[in-house]
Amino acid sequence: MFSGEYIVALQASKTYLGQTERQKVQTEILLVEQVSKSYFLILSLQDNLRILDTSLKVNEQLFEETKAMYQAGFVEDTDADQLEMIVFNLKASQQNIQNQITTAIAFLKFYMGLAPQAEIQLTDGIDEVLENMNIDYLLQSDFSVNENIDFLLFMQQKALADLQLKREKSTYYPTVNAFFSAKTSAMRDSYDFFDSSLPWYPTTLWGFQMNIPIWSSGSRHAKVQQSKLNLRKLEESQKQLTTSLELQVQTARDNFSNMYYEYLNRKKNLAITIRIYQKTNIKYREGMSSSFDLNQAQNSFIQANTDYTLSIMNLLQNKIELEKFLTKTAALFNE
């Protein structure tokens, strides 16, 4: 009828259920993080590949023109060789990026739980993703540890530790049990139990049983003290976790801010190198620039394009990391 341990066990079952729900949400957040990183990586690589494809077509055409001019004796063979080397390097970069895209798509399918042979189509473009990025929200929105899934999961662990302390304390309480027994006996020494004319004698027994703990050689006290110590440790860990999460958010914001300005800088640099390359290309066609100048401009363009792609990747990676901290999850649990 009364058992302190049983009452605590009922409370613990609800707490364990809440812990399982929070672990599920934590897993979902991590999965979304992996999917997002793979998705944005593919978009960044595809944009890089698009720029290289355009440059390759221009240089292939220029190479064919230069080769024809060399065969006609208007230019030296080094000019044709320089352009052939540019085309070769662009094709190598193109193949390398294509391989990276293939690998990234395979990981994206894996994180989404799709079969390797499944067909997927990415509907967003990298420019659209960058334009829709809410910079003000990421850098200025409030952060509350009480909304963070890691903190909520930790608080469930603390609640379980508190219940463990209550359980140990409940062993000091008495337990009360009720019992009831009803039976009938023939009270005969002959095998005539199926004779309905003979009487049967009912017996009913009921009552209460109370167990009062008196002596346990100090084991109950030791367990209570150990549970109190564990709870105090978790209280200190809670303070450390709160400070750690706040520092991580601030660091994530600083990193995102740095990567955002790095992205803007790399974007400007790419635009400048494209203009320089286009002008050098025109000068080369008009005979006002050498193939060496063209090759140098091309190398600067490839490097700027690579730096620009890396800046996008770093920016989006930090965006995902920051959004993970800012995700509000407390409302998902009805308690």
C-alpha atoms as a PDB file:
ATOM      1  CA  MET A   1       0.000   0.000   0.000  1.00  0.00           C
ATOM      2  CA  PHE A   2       2.894   2.306   0.663  1.00  0.00           C
ATOM      3  CA  SER A   3       6.469   2.100  -0.593  1.00  0.00           C
ATOM      4  CA  GLY A   4       8.736   5.106  -0.931  1.00  0.00           C
ATOM      5  CA  GLU A   5      10.909   3.343  -3.483  1.00  0.00           C
ATOM      6  CA  TYR A   6       7.881   2.548  -5.647  1.00  0.00           C
ATOM      7  CA  ILE A   7       6.741   6.183  -5.639  1.00  0.00           C
ATOM      8  CA  VAL A   8      10.219   7.362  -6.660  1.00  0.00           C
ATOM      9  CA  ALA A   9      10.316   4.707  -9.392  1.00  0.00           C
ATOM     10  CA  LEU A  10       7.089   6.105 -10.879  1.00  0.00           C
ATOM     11  CA  GLN A  11       8.653   9.575 -10.979  1.00  0.00           C
ATOM     12  CA  ALA A  12      11.855   8.196 -12.494  1.00  0.00           C
ATOM     13  CA  SER A  13       9.979   6.479 -15.325  1.00  0.00           C
ATOM     14  CA  LYS A  14       8.649   9.852 -16.505  1.00  0.00           C
ATOM     15  CA  THR A  15      12.099  11.406 -16.220  1.00  0.00           C
ATOM     16  CA  TYR A  16      13.687   8.579 -18.212  1.00  0.00           C
ATOM     17  CA  LEU A  17      11.063   9.107 -20.913  1.00  0.00           C
ATOM     18  CA  GLY A  18      11.944  12.808 -21.020  1.00  0.00           C
ATOM     19  CA  GLN A  19      15.624  11.938 -21.327  1.00  0.00           C
ATOM     20  CA  THR A  20      14.895   9.636 -24.270  1.00  0.00           C
ATOM     21  CA  GLU A  21      12.897  12.385 -25.996  1.00  0.00           C
ATOM     22  CA  ARG A  22      15.756  14.836 -25.578  1.00  0.00           C
ATOM     23  CA  GLN A  23      18.299  12.341 -26.869  1.00  0.00           C
ATOM     24  CA  LYS A  24      16.109  11.891 -29.941  1.00  0.00           C
ATOM     25  CA  VAL A  25      16.007  15.647 -30.567  1.00  0.00           C
ATOM     26  CA  GLN A  26      19.775  15.885 -30.026  1.00  0.00           C
ATOM     27  CA  THR A  27      20.336  13.153 -32.623  1.00  0.00           C
ATOM     28  CA  GLU A  28      18.025  14.936 -35.073  1.00  0.00           C
ATOM     29  CA  ILE A  29      19.928  18.217 -34.630  1.00  0.00           C
ATOM     30  CA  LEU A  30      23.262  16.493 -35.276  1.00  0.00           C
ATOM     31  CA  LEU A  31      21.807  14.785 -38.345  1.00  0.00           C
ATOM     32  CA  VAL A  32      20.507  18.087 -39.716  1.00  0.00           C
ATOM     33  CA  GLU A  33      23.982  19.535 -39.137  1.00  0.00           C
ATOM     34  CA  GLN A  34      25.649  16.756 -41.162  1.00  0.00           C
ATOM     35  CA  VAL A  35      23.086  16.997 -43.971  1.00  0.00           C
ATOM     36  CA  SER A  36      23.416  20.786 -44.138  1.00  0.00           C
ATOM     37  CA  LYS A  37      27.211  20.665 -44.257  1.00  0.00           C
ATOM     38  CA  SER A  38      27.173  18.128 -47.099  1.00  0.00           C
ATOM     39  CA  TYR A  39      24.478  20.074 -48.954  1.00  0.00           C
ATOM     40  CA  PHE A  40      26.297  23.408 -48.759  1.00  0.00           C
ATOM     41  CA  LEU A  41      29.598  21.751 -49.662  1.00  0.00           C
ATOM     42  CA  ILE A  42      28.058  20.435 -52.881  1.00  0.00           C
ATOM     43  CA  LEU A  43      26.611  23.856 -53.744  1.00  0.00           C
ATOM     44  CA  SER A  44      29.995  25.519 -53.180  1.00  0.00           C
ATOM     45  CA  LEU A  45      31.816  22.978 -55.326  1.00  0.00           C
ATOM     46  CA  GLN A  46      29.219  23.232 -58.078  1.00  0.00           C
ATOM     47  CA  ASP A  47      29.633  27.005 -58.171  1.00  0.00           C
ATOM     48  CA  ASN A  48      33.414  26.583 -58.354  1.00  0.00           C
ATOM     49  CA  LEU A  49      32.986  24.071 -61.161  1.00  0.00           C
ATOM     50  CA  ARG A  50      30.678  26.424 -63.063  1.00  0.00           C
ATOM     51  CA  ILE A  51      33.284  29.199 -63.030  1.00  0.00           C
ATOM     52  CA  LEU A  52      36.023  26.797 -64.135  1.00  0.00           C
ATOM     53  CA  ASP A  53      33.846  25.439 -66.949  1.00  0.00           C
ATOM     54  CA  THR A  54      33.354  28.946 -68.316  1.00  0.00           C
ATOM     55  CA  SER A  55      37.078  29.679 -68.132  1.00  0.00           C
ATOM     56  CA  LEU A  56      37.927  26.345 -69.759  1.00  0.00           C
ATOM     57  CA  LYS A  57      35.705  27.019 -72.772  1.00  0.00           C
ATOM     58  CA  VAL A  58      37.298  30.433 -73.290  1.00  0.00           C
ATOM     59  CA  ASN A  59      40.837  29.055 -73.030  1.00  0.00           C
ATOM     60  CA  GLU A  60      40.121  26.054 -75.259  1.00  0.00           C
ATOM     61  CA  GLN A  61      38.904  28.414 -77.957  1.00  0.00           C
ATOM     62  CA  LEU A  62      41.917  30.678 -77.464  1.00  0.00           C
ATOM     63  CA  PHE A  63      44.241  27.672 -77.597  1.00  0.00           C
ATOM     64  CA  GLU A  64      42.784  26.521 -80.906  1.00  0.00           C
ATOM     65  CA  GLU A  65      43.156  30.018 -82.341  1.00  0.00           C
ATOM     66  CA  THR A  66      46.749  30.312 -81.101  1.00  0.00           C
ATOM     67  CA  LYS A  67      47.620  26.871 -82.414  1.00  0.00           C
ATOM     68  CA  ALA A  68      46.304  27.860 -85.856  1.00  0.00           C
ATOM     69  CA  MET A  69      48.313  31.073 -85.731  1.00  0.00           C
ATOM     70  CA  TYR A  70      51.433  29.097 -84.776  1.00  0.00           C
ATOM     71  CA  GLN A  71      50.923  26.712 -87.674  1.00  0.00           C
ATOM     72  CA  ALA A  72      50.615  29.761 -89.923  1.00  0.00           C
ATOM     73  CA  GLY A  73      53.861  31.147 -88.485  1.00  0.00           C
ATOM     74  CA  PHE A  74      52.389  34.220 -86.790  1.00  0.00           C
ATOM     75  CA  VAL A  75      53.294  33.248 -83.190  1.00  0.00           C
ATOM     76  CA  GLU A  76      55.932  31.174 -81.447  1.00  0.00           C
ATOM     77  CA  ASP A  77      55.362  27.648 -80.213  1.00  0.00           C
ATOM     78  CA  THR A  78      55.769  28.801 -76.601  1.00  0.00           C
ATOM     79  CA  ASP A  79      52.538  30.781 -76.898  1.00  0.00           C
ATOM     80  CA  ALA A  80      50.630  27.661 -77.928  1.00  0.00           C
ATOM     81  CA  ASP A  81      52.379  25.621 -75.235  1.00  0.00           C
ATOM     82  CA  GLN A  82      51.480  28.130 -72.552  1.00  0.00           C
ATOM     83  CA  LEU A  83      47.795  27.998 -73.509  1.00  0.00           C
ATOM     84  CA  GLU A  84      47.855  24.213 -73.735  1.00  0.00           C
ATOM     85  CA  MET A  85      49.234  24.116 -70.200  1.00  0.00           C
ATOM     86  CA  ILE A  86      46.463  26.446 -69.025  1.00  0.00           C
ATOM     87  CA  VAL A  87      43.826  24.185 -70.593  1.00  0.00           C
ATOM     88  CA  PHE A  88      45.449  21.101 -69.071  1.00  0.00           C
ATOM     89  CA  ASN A  89      45.507  22.655 -65.573  1.00  0.00           C
ATOM     90  CA  LEU A  90      41.884  23.745 -65.873  1.00  0.00           C
ATOM     91  CA  LYS A  91      40.801  20.251 -66.900  1.00  0.00           C
ATOM     92  CA  ALA A  92      42.711  18.749 -63.975  1.00  0.00           C
ATOM     93  CA  SER A  93      41.050  21.176 -61.556  1.00  0.00           C
ATOM     94  CA  GLN A  94      37.703  20.454 -63.167  1.00  0.00           C
ATOM     95  CA  GLN A  95      38.105  16.695 -62.699  1.00  0.00           C
ATOM     96  CA  ASN A  96      39.285  17.125 -59.118  1.00  0.00           C
ATOM     97  CA  ILE A  97      36.244  19.201 -58.192  1.00  0.00           C
ATOM     98  CA  GLN A  98      33.905  16.785 -59.966  1.00  0.00           C
ATOM     99  CA  ASN A  99      35.328  13.935 -57.886  1.00  0.00           C
ATOM    100  CA  GLN A 100      34.793  15.971 -54.715  1.00  0.00           C
ATOM    101  CA  ILE A 101      31.179  16.604 -55.731  1.00  0.00           C
ATOM    102  CA  THR A 102      30.614  12.884 -56.312  1.00  0.00           C
ATOM    103  CA  THR A 103      31.998  12.060 -52.869  1.00  0.00           C
ATOM    104  CA  ALA A 104      29.970  14.814 -51.188  1.00  0.00           C
ATOM    105  CA  ILE A 105      26.760  13.585 -52.854  1.00  0.00           C
ATOM    106  CA  ALA A 106      27.473  10.053 -51.619  1.00  0.00           C
ATOM    107  CA  PHE A 107      27.801  11.351 -48.047  1.00  0.00           C
ATOM    108  CA  LEU A 108      24.637  13.422 -48.428  1.00  0.00           C
ATOM    109  CA  LYS A 109      22.685  10.319 -49.473  1.00  0.00           C
ATOM    110  CA  PHE A 110      24.150   8.424 -46.532  1.00  0.00           C
ATOM    111  CA  TYR A 111      23.136  11.081 -43.994  1.00  0.00           C
ATOM    112  CA  MET A 112      19.649  11.274 -45.530  1.00  0.00           C
ATOM    113  CA  GLY A 113      19.249   7.510 -45.369  1.00  0.00           C
ATOM    114  CA  LEU A 114      18.997   7.125 -49.152  1.00  0.00           C
ATOM    115  CA  ALA A 115      20.303   4.242 -51.204  1.00  0.00           C
ATOM    116  CA  PRO A 116      23.597   4.905 -53.077  1.00  0.00           C
ATOM    117  CA  GLN A 117      21.829   4.479 -56.416  1.00  0.00           C
ATOM    118  CA  ALA A 118      19.072   6.966 -55.513  1.00  0.00           C
ATOM    119  CA  GLU A 119      18.819  10.083 -57.675  1.00  0.00           C
ATOM    120  CA  ILE A 120      18.778  13.458 -55.909  1.00  0.00           C
ATOM    121  CA  GLN A 121      18.587  16.976 -57.300  1.00  0.00           C
ATOM    122  CA  LEU A 122      19.747  20.025 -55.361  1.00  0.00           C
ATOM    123  CA  THR A 123      17.205  22.779 -55.973  1.00  0.00           C
ATOM    124  CA  ASP A 124      19.005  25.703 -54.309  1.00  0.00           C
ATOM    125  CA  GLY A 125      21.890  27.699 -55.686  1.00  0.00           C
ATOM    126  CA  ILE A 126      24.787  28.980 -53.630  1.00  0.00           C
ATOM    127  CA  ASP A 127      23.896  32.605 -54.412  1.00  0.00           C
ATOM    128  CA  GLU A 128      20.351  32.052 -53.159  1.00  0.00           C
ATOM    129  CA  VAL A 129      21.627  30.500 -49.934  1.00  0.00           C
ATOM    130  CA  LEU A 130      24.013  33.397 -49.303  1.00  0.00           C
ATOM    131  CA  GLU A 131      21.374  36.035 -50.071  1.00  0.00           C
ATOM    132  CA  ASN A 132      18.846  34.465 -47.681  1.00  0.00           C
ATOM    133  CA  MET A 133      21.325  34.301 -44.819  1.00  0.00           C
ATOM    134  CA  ASN A 134      20.040  36.351 -41.855  1.00  0.00           C
ATOM    135  CA  ILE A 135      23.223  37.993 -40.619  1.00  0.00           C
ATOM    136  CA  ASP A 136      21.507  40.109 -37.942  1.00  0.00           C
ATOM    137  CA  TYR A 137      19.779  37.093 -36.402  1.00  0.00           C
ATOM    138  CA  LEU A 138      22.969  35.055 -36.302  1.00  0.00           C
ATOM    139  CA  LEU A 139      25.046  37.812 -34.729  1.00  0.00           C
ATOM    140  CA  GLN A 140      22.526  39.557 -32.472  1.00  0.00           C
ATOM    141  CA  SER A 141      19.841  37.070 -31.386  1.00  0.00           C
ATOM    142  CA  ASP A 142      19.676  36.192 -27.700  1.00  0.00           C
ATOM    143  CA  PHE A 143      21.060  32.895 -26.502  1.00  0.00           C
ATOM    144  CA  SER A 144      19.548  31.038 -23.554  1.00  0.00           C
ATOM    145  CA  VAL A 145      21.128  27.909 -22.144  1.00  0.00           C
ATOM    146  CA  ASN A 146      17.646  26.791 -21.099  1.00  0.00           C
ATOM    147  CA  GLU A 147      16.803  26.385 -24.802  1.00  0.00           C
ATOM    148  CA  ASN A 148      19.946  24.450 -25.669  1.00  0.00           C
ATOM    149  CA  ILE A 149      19.434  20.717 -26.175  1.00  0.00           C
ATOM    150  CA  ASP A 150      22.734  19.774 -24.527  1.00  0.00           C
ATOM    151  CA  PHE A 151      21.793  21.754 -21.430  1.00  0.00           C
ATOM    152  CA  LEU A 152      18.279  20.279 -21.362  1.00  0.00           C
ATOM    153  CA  LEU A 153      19.704  16.782 -21.618  1.00  0.00           C
ATOM    154  CA  PHE A 154      22.113  17.523 -18.784  1.00  0.00           C
ATOM    155  CA  MET A 155      19.237  18.770 -16.615  1.00  0.00           C
ATOM    156  CA  GLN A 156      17.467  15.451 -17.138  1.00  0.00           C
ATOM    157  CA  GLN A 157      20.573  13.675 -15.886  1.00  0.00           C
ATOM    158  CA  LYS A 158      20.576  15.966 -12.855  1.00  0.00           C
ATOM    159  CA  ALA A 159      16.885  15.219 -12.248  1.00  0.00           C
ATOM    160  CA  LEU A 160      17.664  11.504 -12.302  1.00  0.00           C
ATOM    161  CA  ALA A 161      20.446  12.052  -9.760  1.00  0.00           C
ATOM    162  CA  ASP A 162      17.991  13.909  -7.540  1.00  0.00           C
ATOM    163  CA  LEU A 163      15.539  11.016  -7.816  1.00  0.00           C
ATOM    164  CA  GLN A 164      18.316   8.607  -6.909  1.00  0.00           C
ATOM    165  CA  LEU A 165      18.866  10.620  -3.719  1.00  0.00           C
ATOM    166  CA  LYS A 166      15.152  10.466  -2.954  1.00  0.00           C
ATOM    167  CA  ARG A 167      15.182   6.730  -3.506  1.00  0.00           C
ATOM    168  CA  GLU A 168      18.040   6.232  -1.055  1.00  0.00           C
ATOM    169  CA  LYS A 169      16.250   8.399   1.511  1.00  0.00           C
ATOM    170  CA  SER A 170      13.028   6.440   1.002  1.00  0.00           C
ATOM    171  CA  THR A 171      14.720   3.293   2.299  1.00  0.00           C
ATOM    172  CA  TYR A 172      14.396   4.828   5.791  1.00  0.00           C
ATOM    173  CA  TYR A 173      10.604   4.828   5.473  1.00  0.00           C
ATOM    174  CA  PRO A 174       8.465   1.866   6.489  1.00  0.00           C
ATOM    175  CA  THR A 175       6.602  -0.121   3.850  1.00  0.00           C
ATOM    176  CA  VAL A 176       2.986  -1.142   4.265  1.00  0.00           C
ATOM    177  CA  ASN A 177       1.517  -4.103   2.397  1.00  0.00           C
ATOM    178  CA  ALA A 178      -2.032  -5.441   2.401  1.00  0.00           C
ATOM    179  CA  PHE A 179      -2.812  -9.089   1.876  1.00  0.00           C
ATOM    180  CA  PHE A 180      -6.005 -11.065   1.283  1.00  0.00           C
ATOM    181  CA  SER A 181      -6.618 -14.782   0.915  1.00  0.00           C
ATOM    182  CA  ALA A 182      -9.873 -16.719   0.420  1.00  0.00           C
ATOM    183  CA  LYS A 183     -10.238 -20.481   0.067  1.00  0.00           C
ATOM    184  CA  THR A 184     -12.557 -23.397   0.844  1.00  0.00           C
ATOM    185  CA  SER A 185     -11.630 -26.809   2.283  1.00  0.00           C
ATOM    186  CA  ALA A 186     -13.496 -30.105   2.318  1.00  0.00           C
ATOM    187  CA  MET A 187     -11.993 -31.196   5.639  1.00  0.00           C
ATOM    188  CA  ARG A 188     -12.500 -34.859   4.706  1.00  0.00           C
ATOM    189  CA  ASP A 189     -10.190 -37.858   4.554  1.00  0.00           C
ATOM    190  CA  SER A 190     -12.042 -39.609   1.709  1.00  0.00           C
ATOM    191  CA  TYR A 191     -11.856 -38.826  -1.999  1.00  0.00           C
ATOM    192  CA  ASP A 192     -15.420 -37.554  -2.431  1.00  0.00           C
ATOM    193  CA  PHE A 193     -14.708 -34.006  -3.489  1.00  0.00           C
ATOM    194  CA  PHE A 194     -17.205 -34.110  -6.346  1.00  0.00           C
ATOM    195  CA  ASP A 195     -20.129 -35.055  -4.107  1.00  0.00           C
ATOM    196  CA  SER A 196     -22.206 -31.846  -4.023  1.00  0.00           C
ATOM    197  CA  SER A 197     -24.257 -32.980  -1.065  1.00  0.00           C
ATOM    198  CA  LEU A 198     -21.308 -32.768   1.304  1.00  0.00           C
ATOM    199  CA  PRO A 199     -20.333 -29.420   2.876  1.00  0.00           C
ATOM    200  CA  TRP A 200     -17.274 -27.196   2.153  1.00  0.00           C
ATOM    201  CA  TYR A 201     -15.754 -24.908   4.775  1.00  0.00           C
ATOM    202  CA  PRO A 202     -14.612 -21.406   3.650  1.00  0.00           C
ATOM    203  CA  THR A 203     -11.560 -19.668   5.102  1.00  0.00           C
ATOM    204  CA  THR A 204     -10.848 -15.951   4.606  1.00  0.00           C
ATOM    205  CA  LEU A 205      -7.664 -14.224   5.709  1.00  0.00           C
ATOM    206  CA  TRP A 206      -6.781 -10.563   5.296  1.00  0.00           C
ATOM    207  CA  GLY A 207      -4.625  -8.000   7.000  1.00  0.00           C
ATOM    208  CA  PHE A 208      -1.774  -5.497   6.811  1.00  0.00           C
ATOM    209  CA  GLN A 209       1.955  -5.976   7.073  1.00  0.00           C
ATOM    210  CA  MET A 210       4.362  -3.189   8.003  1.00  0.00           C
ATOM    211  CA  ASN A 211       8.130  -3.456   7.652  1.00  0.00           C
ATOM    212  CA  ILE A 212      10.077  -0.888   9.647  1.00  0.00           C
ATOM    213  CA  PRO A 213      13.810  -0.558   8.843  1.00  0.00           C
ATOM    214  CA  ILE A 214      15.761  -0.335  12.064  1.00  0.00           C
ATOM    215  CA  TRP A 215      19.374  -1.347  11.447  1.00  0.00           C
ATOM    216  CA  SER A 216      21.395  -1.655   8.260  1.00  0.00           C
ATOM    217  CA  SER A 217      24.980  -1.390   9.555  1.00  0.00           C
ATOM    218  CA  GLY A 218      25.233   2.149   8.133  1.00  0.00           C
ATOM    219  CA  SER A 219      24.834   1.144   4.479  1.00  0.00           C
ATOM    220  CA  ARG A 220      21.725   3.288   3.963  1.00  0.00           C
ATOM    221  CA  HIS A 221      23.449   6.358   5.371  1.00  0.00           C
ATOM    222  CA  ALA A 222      26.504   5.788   3.164  1.00  0.00           C
ATOM    223  CA  LYS A 223      24.336   5.486   0.045  1.00  0.00           C
ATOM    224  CA  VAL A 224      22.460   8.685   0.897  1.00  0.00           C
ATOM    225  CA  GLN A 225      25.721  10.581   1.395  1.00  0.00           C
ATOM    226  CA  GLN A 226      27.110   9.254  -1.899  1.00  0.00           C
ATOM    227  CA  SER A 227      23.952  10.340  -3.741  1.00  0.00           C
ATOM    228  CA  LYS A 228      24.219  13.807  -2.168  1.00  0.00           C
ATOM    229  CA  LEU A 229      27.839  14.044  -3.300  1.00  0.00           C
ATOM    230  CA  ASN A 230      26.921  13.022  -6.853  1.00  0.00           C
ATOM    231  CA  LEU A 231      24.183  15.657  -6.935  1.00  0.00           C
ATOM    232  CA  ARG A 232      26.571  18.378  -5.725  1.00  0.00           C
ATOM    233  CA  LYS A 233      29.031  17.388  -8.444  1.00  0.00           C
ATOM    234  CA  LEU A 234      26.304  17.774 -11.058  1.00  0.00           C
ATOM    235  CA  GLU A 235      25.385  21.199  -9.669  1.00  0.00           C
ATOM    236  CA  GLU A 236      28.981  22.323 -10.177  1.00  0.00           C
ATOM    237  CA  SER A 237      28.997  20.744 -13.626  1.00  0.00           C
ATOM    238  CA  GLN A 238      25.840  22.702 -14.441  1.00  0.00           C
ATOM    239  CA  LYS A 239      27.630  25.980 -13.723  1.00  0.00           C
ATOM    240  CA  GLN A 240      30.589  24.899 -15.848  1.00  0.00           C
ATOM    241  CA  LEU A 241      28.315  23.788 -18.694  1.00  0.00           C
ATOM    242  CA  THR A 242      26.454  27.108 -18.637  1.00  0.00           C
ATOM    243  CA  THR A 243      29.710  29.059 -18.864  1.00  0.00           C
ATOM    244  CA  SER A 244      31.072  26.714 -21.527  1.00  0.00           C
ATOM    245  CA  LEU A 245      27.978  27.039 -23.738  1.00  0.00           C
ATOM    246  CA  GLU A 246      28.017  30.834 -23.481  1.00  0.00           C
ATOM    247  CA  LEU A 247      31.706  30.887 -24.448  1.00  0.00           C
ATOM    248  CA  GLN A 248      31.087  28.509 -27.342  1.00  0.00           C
ATOM    249  CA  VAL A 249      28.287  30.712 -28.669  1.00  0.00           C
ATOM    250  CA  GLN A 250      30.439  33.827 -28.445  1.00  0.00           C
ATOM    251  CA  THR A 251      33.304  32.019 -30.179  1.00  0.00           C
ATOM    252  CA  ALA A 252      30.956  30.735 -32.880  1.00  0.00           C
ATOM    253  CA  ARG A 253      29.659  34.269 -33.461  1.00  0.00           C
ATOM    254  CA  ASP A 254      33.171  35.686 -33.669  1.00  0.00           C
ATOM    255  CA  ASN A 255      34.196  32.972 -36.122  1.00  0.00           C
ATOM    256  CA  PHE A 256      31.095  33.538 -38.235  1.00  0.00           C
ATOM    257  CA  SER A 257      31.689  37.290 -38.296  1.00  0.00           C
ATOM    258  CA  ASN A 258      35.313  36.768 -39.347  1.00  0.00           C
ATOM    259  CA  MET A 259      34.332  34.281 -42.046  1.00  0.00           C
ATOM    260  CA  TYR A 260      31.640  36.633 -43.347  1.00  0.00           C
ATOM    261  CA  TYR A 261      34.102  39.486 -43.865  1.00  0.00           C
ATOM    262  CA  GLU A 262      36.599  36.998 -45.292  1.00  0.00           C
ATOM    263  CA  TYR A 263      33.936  35.899 -47.782  1.00  0.00           C
ATOM    264  CA  LEU A 264      33.206  39.505 -48.817  1.00  0.00           C
ATOM    265  CA  ASN A 265      36.941  40.117 -49.296  1.00  0.00           C
ATOM    266  CA  ARG A 266      37.446  36.961 -51.366  1.00  0.00           C
ATOM    267  CA  LYS A 267      34.411  37.834 -53.462  1.00  0.00           C
ATOM    268  CA  LYS A 268      35.903  41.239 -54.316  1.00  0.00           C
ATOM    269  CA  ASN A 269      39.288  39.669 -55.062  1.00  0.00           C
ATOM    270  CA  LEU A 270      37.678  37.190 -57.447  1.00  0.00           C
ATOM    271  CA  ALA A 271      35.848  39.964 -59.283  1.00  0.00           C
ATOM    272  CA  ILE A 272      39.132  41.881 -59.659  1.00  0.00           C
ATOM    273  CA  THR A 273      41.084  38.858 -60.944  1.00  0.00           C
ATOM    274  CA  ILE A 274      38.298  38.105 -63.438  1.00  0.00           C
ATOM    275  CA  ARG A 275      38.504  41.653 -64.801  1.00  0.00           C
ATOM    276  CA  ILE A 276      42.306  41.430 -64.994  1.00  0.00           C
ATOM    277  CA  TYR A 277      42.115  38.080 -66.764  1.00  0.00           C
ATOM    278  CA  GLN A 278      39.511  39.330 -69.244  1.00  0.00           C
ATOM    279  CA  LYS A 279      41.590  42.408 -70.078  1.00  0.00           C
ATOM    280  CA  THR A 280      44.750  40.307 -70.402  1.00  0.00           C
ATOM    281  CA  ASN A 281      42.863  37.927 -72.689  1.00  0.00           C
ATOM    282  CA  ILE A 282      41.783  40.797 -74.920  1.00  0.00           C
ATOM    283  CA  LYS A 283      45.319  42.228 -74.974  1.00  0.00           C
ATOM    284  CA  TYR A 284      46.700  38.811 -75.899  1.00  0.00           C
ATOM    285  CA  ARG A 285      44.304  38.510 -78.833  1.00  0.00           C
ATOM    286  CA  GLU A 286      45.361  41.962 -79.986  1.00  0.00           C
ATOM    287  CA  GLY A 287      49.048  41.097 -79.623  1.00  0.00           C
ATOM    288  CA  MET A 288      49.598  43.554 -76.786  1.00  0.00           C
ATOM    289  CA  SER A 289      50.285  40.895 -74.132  1.00  0.00           C
ATOM    290  CA  SER A 290      52.349  37.719 -74.027  1.00  0.00           C
ATOM    291  CA  SER A 291      51.219  34.178 -73.274  1.00  0.00           C
ATOM    292  CA  PHE A 292      53.249  34.408 -70.069  1.00  0.00           C
ATOM    293  CA  ASP A 293      51.123  37.351 -68.909  1.00  0.00           C
ATOM    294  CA  LEU A 294      47.996  35.402 -69.819  1.00  0.00           C
ATOM    295  CA  ASN A 295      49.201  32.355 -67.907  1.00  0.00           C
ATOM    296  CA  GLN A 296      49.992  34.482 -64.875  1.00  0.00           C
ATOM    297  CA  ALA A 297      46.557  36.102 -64.969  1.00  0.00           C
ATOM    298  CA  GLN A 298      44.967  32.667 -65.341  1.00  0.00           C
ATOM    299  CA  ASN A 299      46.835  31.296 -62.318  1.00  0.00           C
ATOM    300  CA  SER A 300      45.752  34.297 -60.261  1.00  0.00           C
ATOM    301  CA  PHE A 301      42.163  33.683 -61.341  1.00  0.00           C
ATOM    302  CA  ILE A 302      42.283  29.977 -60.384  1.00  0.00           C
ATOM    303  CA  GLN A 303      43.779  30.809 -56.986  1.00  0.00           C
ATOM    304  CA  ALA A 304      41.213  33.550 -56.356  1.00  0.00           C
ATOM    305  CA  ASN A 305      38.398  31.206 -57.351  1.00  0.00           C
ATOM    306  CA  THR A 306      39.725  28.524 -54.994  1.00  0.00           C
ATOM    307  CA  ASP A 307      40.027  31.039 -52.146  1.00  0.00           C
ATOM    308  CA  TYR A 308      36.498  32.288 -52.844  1.00  0.00           C
ATOM    309  CA  THR A 309      35.073  28.762 -52.737  1.00  0.00           C
ATOM    310  CA  LEU A 310      36.895  27.990 -49.488  1.00  0.00           C
ATOM    311  CA  SER A 311      35.599  31.215 -47.938  1.00  0.00           C
ATOM    312  CA  ILE A 312      32.025  30.179 -48.805  1.00  0.00           C
ATOM    313  CA  MET A 313      32.567  26.729 -47.313  1.00  0.00           C
ATOM    314  CA  ASN A 314      34.022  28.189 -44.117  1.00  0.00           C
ATOM    315  CA  LEU A 315      31.226  30.747 -43.869  1.00  0.00           C
ATOM    316  CA  LEU A 316      28.464  28.161 -44.248  1.00  0.00           C
ATOM    317  CA  GLN A 317      30.205  25.715 -41.908  1.00  0.00           C
ATOM    318  CA  ASN A 318      30.324  28.394 -39.207  1.00  0.00           C
ATOM    319  CA  LYS A 319      26.731  29.359 -39.961  1.00  0.00           C
ATOM    320  CA  ILE A 320      25.601  25.780 -39.309  1.00  0.00           C
ATOM    321  CA  GLU A 321      27.654  25.596 -36.119  1.00  0.00           C
ATOM    322  CA  LEU A 322      26.165  28.838 -34.813  1.00  0.00           C
ATOM    323  CA  GLU A 323      22.605  27.856 -35.749  1.00  0.00           C
ATOM    324  CA  LYS A 324      23.025  24.638 -33.785  1.00  0.00           C
ATOM    325  CA  PHE A 325      23.573  26.667 -30.607  1.00  0.00           C
ATOM    326  CA  LEU A 326      20.711  29.066 -31.374  1.00  0.00           C
ATOM    327  CA  THR A 327      18.147  26.330 -32.043  1.00  0.00           C
ATOM    328  CA  LYS A 328      15.389  26.622 -29.445  1.00  0.00           C
ATOM    329  CA  THR A 329      14.211  23.203 -28.278  1.00  0.00           C
ATOM    330  CA  ALA A 330      12.537  23.698 -24.878  1.00  0.00           C
ATOM    331  CA  ALA A 331       9.074  24.110 -26.436  1.00  0.00           C
ATOM    332  CA  LEU A 332       9.337  20.643 -27.993  1.00  0.00           C
ATOM    333  CA  PHE A 333       8.849  18.992 -24.613  1.00  0.00           C
ATOM    334  CA  ASN A 334       5.445  19.197 -22.974  1.00  0.00           C
ATOM    335  CA  GLU A 335       6.116  19.000 -19.270  1.00  0.00           C
END
